[in-house]
Protein backbone atom coordinates (compact mmCIF):
# COMPACT_ATOMS: atom_id res chain seq x y z
CA UNK A 1 -33.34 -38.64 20.12
CA UNK A 2 -34.79 -35.34 22.13
CA UNK A 3 -38.20 -35.68 24.24
CA UNK A 4 -40.11 -32.99 25.45
CA UNK A 5 -43.60 -32.42 26.71
CA UNK A 6 -45.20 -29.24 25.58
CA UNK A 7 -48.27 -27.95 26.87
CA UNK A 8 -51.08 -26.05 24.65
CA UNK A 9 -53.48 -23.94 26.65
CA UNK A 10 -56.09 -22.41 24.94
CA UNK A 11 -59.73 -20.38 26.15
CA UNK A 12 -61.02 -21.71 23.12
CA UNK A 13 -60.51 -24.50 20.96
CA UNK A 14 -56.89 -24.60 20.88
CA UNK A 15 -56.80 -24.57 17.13
CA UNK A 16 -54.40 -21.51 17.48
CA UNK A 17 -51.89 -22.18 19.73
CA UNK A 18 -52.09 -26.02 18.40
CA UNK A 19 -51.20 -25.09 14.88
CA UNK A 20 -48.34 -22.17 15.96
CA UNK A 21 -46.63 -24.86 18.03
CA UNK A 22 -46.79 -27.37 15.16
CA UNK A 23 -45.56 -24.59 12.58
CA UNK A 24 -42.35 -24.57 15.19
CA UNK A 25 -41.55 -27.85 16.21
CA UNK A 26 -41.27 -29.49 12.60
CA UNK A 27 -37.82 -27.55 12.70
CA UNK A 28 -36.80 -29.77 15.43
CA UNK A 29 -36.67 -33.36 13.84
CA UNK A 30 -34.39 -35.58 16.85
CA UNK A 31 -36.92 -34.23 19.01
CA UNK A 32 -39.82 -36.83 19.85
CA UNK A 33 -42.90 -34.09 21.16
CA UNK A 34 -45.37 -35.03 23.94
CA UNK A 35 -48.01 -32.78 23.12
CA UNK A 36 -50.68 -31.60 26.20
CA UNK A 37 -53.79 -29.77 24.86
CA UNK A 38 -55.86 -27.72 27.81
CA UNK A 39 -58.68 -26.06 25.85
CA UNK A 40 -61.69 -23.55 27.33
CA UNK A 41 -59.75 -22.80 30.14
CA UNK A 42 -61.51 -19.77 31.77
CA UNK A 43 -60.93 -20.34 35.13
CA UNK A 44 -58.30 -20.85 37.88
CA UNK A 45 -59.29 -24.59 39.51
CA UNK A 46 -58.90 -25.54 35.75
CA UNK A 47 -55.56 -23.94 35.87
CA UNK A 48 -54.64 -25.28 38.89
CA UNK A 49 -55.49 -28.45 37.44
CA UNK A 50 -52.73 -27.80 34.24
CA UNK A 51 -50.11 -26.94 36.65
CA UNK A 52 -50.64 -30.09 38.63
CA UNK A 53 -50.34 -32.02 35.32
CA UNK A 54 -47.20 -29.51 34.41
CA UNK A 55 -45.61 -30.42 37.52
CA UNK A 56 -45.63 -34.01 36.47
CA UNK A 57 -44.01 -33.47 33.16
CA UNK A 58 -42.20 -30.21 33.01
CA UNK A 59 -41.92 -28.97 29.52
CA UNK A 60 -42.68 -25.73 27.55
CA UNK A 61 -46.24 -23.88 28.11
CA UNK A 62 -47.60 -22.12 25.42
CA UNK A 63 -50.81 -20.23 25.78
CA UNK A 64 -53.54 -17.88 23.68
CA UNK A 65 -55.63 -16.17 26.54
CA UNK A 66 -56.77 -13.18 27.17
CA UNK A 67 -58.08 -13.61 30.78
CA UNK A 68 -55.55 -11.24 32.52
CA UNK A 69 -55.99 -12.85 35.53
CA UNK A 70 -55.88 -16.28 34.35
CA UNK A 71 -52.73 -15.85 32.54
CA UNK A 72 -50.61 -14.14 35.57
CA UNK A 73 -51.91 -17.39 37.14
CA UNK A 74 -50.11 -19.34 34.26
CA UNK A 75 -47.28 -17.09 34.34
CA UNK A 76 -46.60 -17.62 38.47
CA UNK A 77 -47.13 -20.66 38.41
CA UNK A 78 -44.58 -22.03 35.48
CA UNK A 79 -42.13 -19.35 37.50
CA UNK A 80 -42.71 -21.21 40.37
CA UNK A 81 -41.78 -24.48 38.23
CA UNK A 82 -39.15 -23.62 36.45
CA UNK A 83 -40.69 -23.59 33.12
CA UNK A 84 -41.30 -21.41 30.28
CA UNK A 85 -44.51 -19.82 29.83
CA UNK A 86 -44.85 -18.27 26.05
CA UNK A 87 -47.90 -15.88 25.77
CA UNK A 88 -47.92 -16.57 21.47
CA UNK A 89 -50.27 -14.24 20.46
CA UNK A 90 -48.81 -10.75 22.36
CA UNK A 91 -46.33 -9.61 20.23
CA UNK A 92 -49.22 -9.82 17.69
CA UNK A 93 -51.84 -8.18 19.31
CA UNK A 94 -49.51 -5.37 20.53
CA UNK A 95 -48.46 -4.84 17.08
CA UNK A 96 -52.06 -4.73 15.95
CA UNK A 97 -52.61 -2.64 19.21
CA UNK A 98 -50.19 -0.15 18.06
CA UNK A 99 -50.86 0.30 14.75
CA UNK A 100 -54.74 0.77 15.02
CA UNK A 101 -54.49 2.93 17.89
CA UNK A 102 -56.90 0.90 19.65
CA UNK A 103 -56.62 -1.72 22.74
CA UNK A 104 -57.71 -5.17 22.42
CA UNK A 105 -61.31 -6.59 23.56
CA UNK A 106 -59.72 -9.17 25.59
CA UNK A 107 -62.95 -11.33 24.36
CA UNK A 108 -61.95 -15.86 24.30
CA UNK A 109 -63.20 -17.08 20.98
CA UNK A 110 -64.53 -14.28 19.27
CA UNK A 111 -62.80 -15.93 16.11
CA UNK A 112 -65.68 -18.38 16.19
CA UNK A 113 -68.57 -16.13 16.64
CA UNK A 114 -71.50 -17.39 14.20
CA UNK A 115 -70.67 -13.81 11.91
CA UNK A 116 -71.16 -13.97 7.64
CA UNK A 117 -67.92 -15.31 7.82
CA UNK A 118 -68.90 -18.60 9.32
CA UNK A 119 -71.80 -19.59 7.80
CA UNK A 120 -69.76 -18.58 4.30
CA UNK A 121 -67.29 -21.47 5.74
CA UNK A 122 -70.59 -23.60 6.08
CA UNK A 123 -71.95 -23.05 2.77
CA UNK A 124 -68.22 -23.87 0.73
CA UNK A 125 -68.12 -27.01 3.10
CA UNK A 126 -71.84 -27.93 1.70
CA UNK A 127 -70.67 -26.94 -1.54
CA UNK A 128 -67.52 -29.12 -2.19
CA UNK A 129 -69.20 -32.33 -0.65
CA UNK A 130 -71.39 -31.68 -3.38
CA UNK A 131 -69.19 -31.29 -6.23
CA UNK A 132 -66.90 -33.51 -5.19
CA UNK A 133 -65.39 -36.62 -8.02
CA UNK A 134 -67.24 -35.05 -10.69
CA UNK A 135 -70.85 -34.54 -8.86
CA UNK A 136 -73.04 -31.22 -10.01
CA UNK A 137 -72.13 -30.98 -13.15
CA UNK A 138 -75.13 -28.76 -13.88
CA UNK A 139 -74.34 -26.40 -11.24
CA UNK A 140 -70.34 -26.17 -11.67
CA UNK A 141 -70.63 -22.51 -13.06
CA UNK A 142 -71.66 -21.66 -9.14
CA UNK A 143 -67.97 -22.37 -8.38
CA UNK A 144 -65.24 -20.26 -7.26
CA UNK A 145 -63.10 -22.46 -8.44
CA UNK A 146 -63.18 -26.08 -10.33
CA UNK A 147 -60.17 -28.25 -9.77
CA UNK A 148 -59.40 -31.03 -12.47
CA UNK A 149 -57.00 -33.88 -12.72
CA UNK A 150 -56.28 -37.37 -12.97
CA UNK A 151 -57.04 -39.84 -9.72
CA UNK A 152 -54.96 -39.07 -6.74
CA UNK A 153 -53.51 -35.70 -7.17
CA UNK A 154 -55.26 -34.32 -3.76
CA UNK A 155 -58.55 -32.34 -5.86
CA UNK A 156 -60.73 -33.38 -3.20
CA UNK A 157 -59.28 -32.62 0.13
CA UNK A 158 -57.72 -29.80 -1.88
CA UNK A 159 -61.56 -28.52 -1.84
CA UNK A 160 -62.20 -29.26 1.50
CA UNK A 161 -59.22 -26.73 2.65
CA UNK A 162 -60.41 -24.40 0.37
CA UNK A 163 -64.10 -24.54 1.61
CA UNK A 164 -63.00 -23.77 4.96
CA UNK A 165 -61.58 -20.47 3.70
CA UNK A 166 -64.84 -19.81 2.09
CA UNK A 167 -64.31 -20.53 -0.92
CA UNK A 168 -66.65 -22.94 -2.99
CA UNK A 169 -64.44 -25.23 -5.12
CA UNK A 170 -65.49 -28.37 -6.91
CA UNK A 171 -63.63 -31.17 -8.69
CA UNK A 172 -63.86 -33.12 -11.82
CA UNK A 173 -61.73 -36.59 -12.12
CA UNK A 174 -59.84 -36.91 -15.48
CA UNK A 175 -60.77 -40.84 -16.59
CA UNK A 176 -58.95 -42.50 -18.94
CA UNK A 177 -61.41 -43.49 -21.95
CA UNK A 178 -63.93 -41.05 -20.59
CA UNK A 179 -64.51 -37.83 -22.25
CA UNK A 180 -64.33 -34.76 -19.92
CA UNK A 181 -67.75 -33.31 -19.40
CA UNK A 182 -68.63 -30.60 -21.65
CA UNK A 183 -69.53 -28.67 -18.41
CA UNK A 184 -65.97 -28.62 -17.44
CA UNK A 185 -64.95 -27.62 -21.14
CA UNK A 186 -66.82 -24.70 -21.44
CA UNK A 187 -64.79 -22.80 -18.97
CA UNK A 188 -61.49 -21.30 -20.29
CA UNK A 189 -61.11 -18.68 -17.42
CA UNK A 190 -63.02 -16.07 -18.99
CA UNK A 191 -63.82 -13.39 -16.56
CA UNK A 192 -66.79 -14.01 -14.20
CA UNK A 193 -66.17 -17.58 -14.84
CA UNK A 194 -64.63 -20.21 -12.68
CA UNK A 195 -61.76 -20.36 -12.15
CA UNK A 196 -60.52 -24.09 -13.57
CA UNK A 197 -57.03 -25.28 -12.14
CA UNK A 198 -55.17 -28.00 -13.14
CA UNK A 199 -53.52 -30.69 -10.79
CA UNK A 200 -50.86 -32.72 -12.50
CA UNK A 201 -48.04 -34.81 -10.26
CA UNK A 202 -44.76 -36.81 -10.91
CA UNK A 203 -45.97 -40.24 -12.65
CA UNK A 204 -43.54 -42.36 -10.42
CA UNK A 205 -44.73 -40.35 -7.24
CA UNK A 206 -48.59 -41.42 -8.48
CA UNK A 207 -48.06 -44.57 -8.98
CA UNK A 208 -46.58 -44.95 -5.69
CA UNK A 209 -49.54 -43.21 -4.04
CA UNK A 210 -52.47 -45.30 -6.35
CA UNK A 211 -50.21 -48.53 -4.85
CA UNK A 212 -50.90 -47.19 -1.34
CA UNK A 213 -54.56 -46.53 -2.04
CA UNK A 214 -55.11 -50.04 -3.64
CA UNK A 215 -53.35 -51.71 -0.76
CA UNK A 216 -55.95 -50.27 1.81
CA UNK A 217 -58.57 -51.33 -0.33
CA UNK A 218 -56.41 -54.96 -0.21
CA UNK A 219 -56.47 -54.61 -3.80
CA UNK A 220 -52.98 -56.64 -5.06
CA UNK A 221 -53.53 -56.96 -8.41
CA UNK A 222 -51.52 -54.98 -11.32
CA UNK A 223 -53.30 -52.75 -13.35
CA UNK A 224 -53.11 -49.90 -16.04
CA UNK A 225 -54.15 -47.71 -12.73
CA UNK A 226 -50.31 -48.84 -11.39
CA UNK A 227 -48.39 -49.12 -14.74
CA UNK A 228 -45.73 -46.46 -14.76
CA UNK A 229 -46.17 -45.93 -18.53
CA UNK A 230 -49.75 -46.10 -18.53
CA UNK A 231 -49.80 -43.52 -15.78
CA UNK A 232 -47.42 -41.04 -17.59
CA UNK A 233 -49.25 -41.05 -21.11
CA UNK A 234 -52.22 -40.21 -18.62
CA UNK A 235 -50.64 -36.94 -17.08
CA UNK A 236 -49.52 -36.39 -20.09
CA UNK A 237 -52.59 -36.24 -21.98
CA UNK A 238 -54.21 -34.55 -18.96
CA UNK A 239 -51.49 -32.04 -19.33
CA UNK A 240 -51.78 -31.44 -23.01
CA UNK A 241 -55.66 -30.88 -22.17
CA UNK A 242 -55.02 -28.17 -19.95
CA UNK A 243 -52.77 -26.33 -22.23
CA UNK A 244 -55.37 -26.56 -24.93
CA UNK A 245 -57.84 -25.22 -22.39
CA UNK A 246 -55.84 -22.27 -21.10
CA UNK A 247 -55.88 -23.75 -17.68
CA UNK A 248 -53.48 -23.05 -14.82
CA UNK A 249 -51.31 -26.15 -14.20
CA UNK A 250 -49.81 -26.20 -10.45
CA UNK A 251 -47.40 -29.88 -9.77
CA UNK A 252 -48.61 -31.25 -7.03
CA UNK A 253 -45.76 -33.76 -6.29
CA UNK A 254 -43.64 -32.02 -3.33
CA UNK A 255 -46.61 -29.70 -2.37
CA UNK A 256 -48.54 -30.34 1.17
CA UNK A 257 -52.78 -29.88 0.60
CA UNK A 258 -51.84 -26.20 2.55
CA UNK A 259 -49.34 -25.31 -0.31
CA UNK A 260 -51.27 -26.64 -3.30
CA UNK A 261 -54.54 -24.31 -1.09
CA UNK A 262 -52.48 -21.54 -1.43
CA UNK A 263 -51.18 -21.34 -4.59
CA UNK A 264 -54.75 -21.66 -5.83
CA UNK A 265 -55.70 -18.56 -3.57
CA UNK A 266 -52.86 -16.60 -5.50
CA UNK A 267 -54.80 -17.37 -8.69
CA UNK A 268 -57.79 -16.65 -7.73
CA UNK A 269 -56.23 -13.23 -6.09
CA UNK A 270 -54.03 -11.98 -9.12
CA UNK A 271 -57.50 -12.79 -11.31
CA UNK A 272 -59.28 -10.32 -9.18
CA UNK A 273 -56.63 -7.80 -8.83
CA UNK A 274 -56.80 -8.02 -13.04
CA UNK A 275 -60.74 -7.93 -13.44
């Protein structure tokens, strides 16, 4: 297996360059990547420290920096060390600049300004926490989207991901032997109602996930919670409810949280375009 050092440099939190690097590096399965993160880099002294670290562990340098002097210092240092330095946002900013007919402002961290969008995300995050696992049923109508499904279908993490995109998401579990809340059943995805989406999963995969969960809490007893036939009946009953209610169904068996959230946002967008 090949080992490579990757230095991720940013004048802000580093989230952008880290995400871009991750999206690229997953394509190289036989490579062991050692990441070195350098956030909030805005002075020459900081760059000199980074170059010293790069000289000790040579590798690819990726950066998201807007200050031209800092960029030039990094480019010069990397040329001297004979390592590649890539400004990952340059092609995108150049394309926007050309299309919009104006120069970029070159201000670091502008995506993290405390604007209306920021406060919307914070409000959505608080909403998701207050409406997790069937909480806050009295206020479900305030949701943008409500996720429902049997245990371990990734409802909570998906809601938190959506909240980070400013979407108010609640989730209501389906528990065998327990009637579904009438507050949830009152929604049939009519205009001006929250979008209710049913999450489902392959029963065999679901059993595996549940077994792992039980091991984490040191619970090894065999129960209906991890019995394949019982789980299969549980999943089928939930799916019938989704169909009866007219709720869209998303199978999360082979989806990441990000992929599930993207599908949900597409459902929201489609409904808004029809409204």
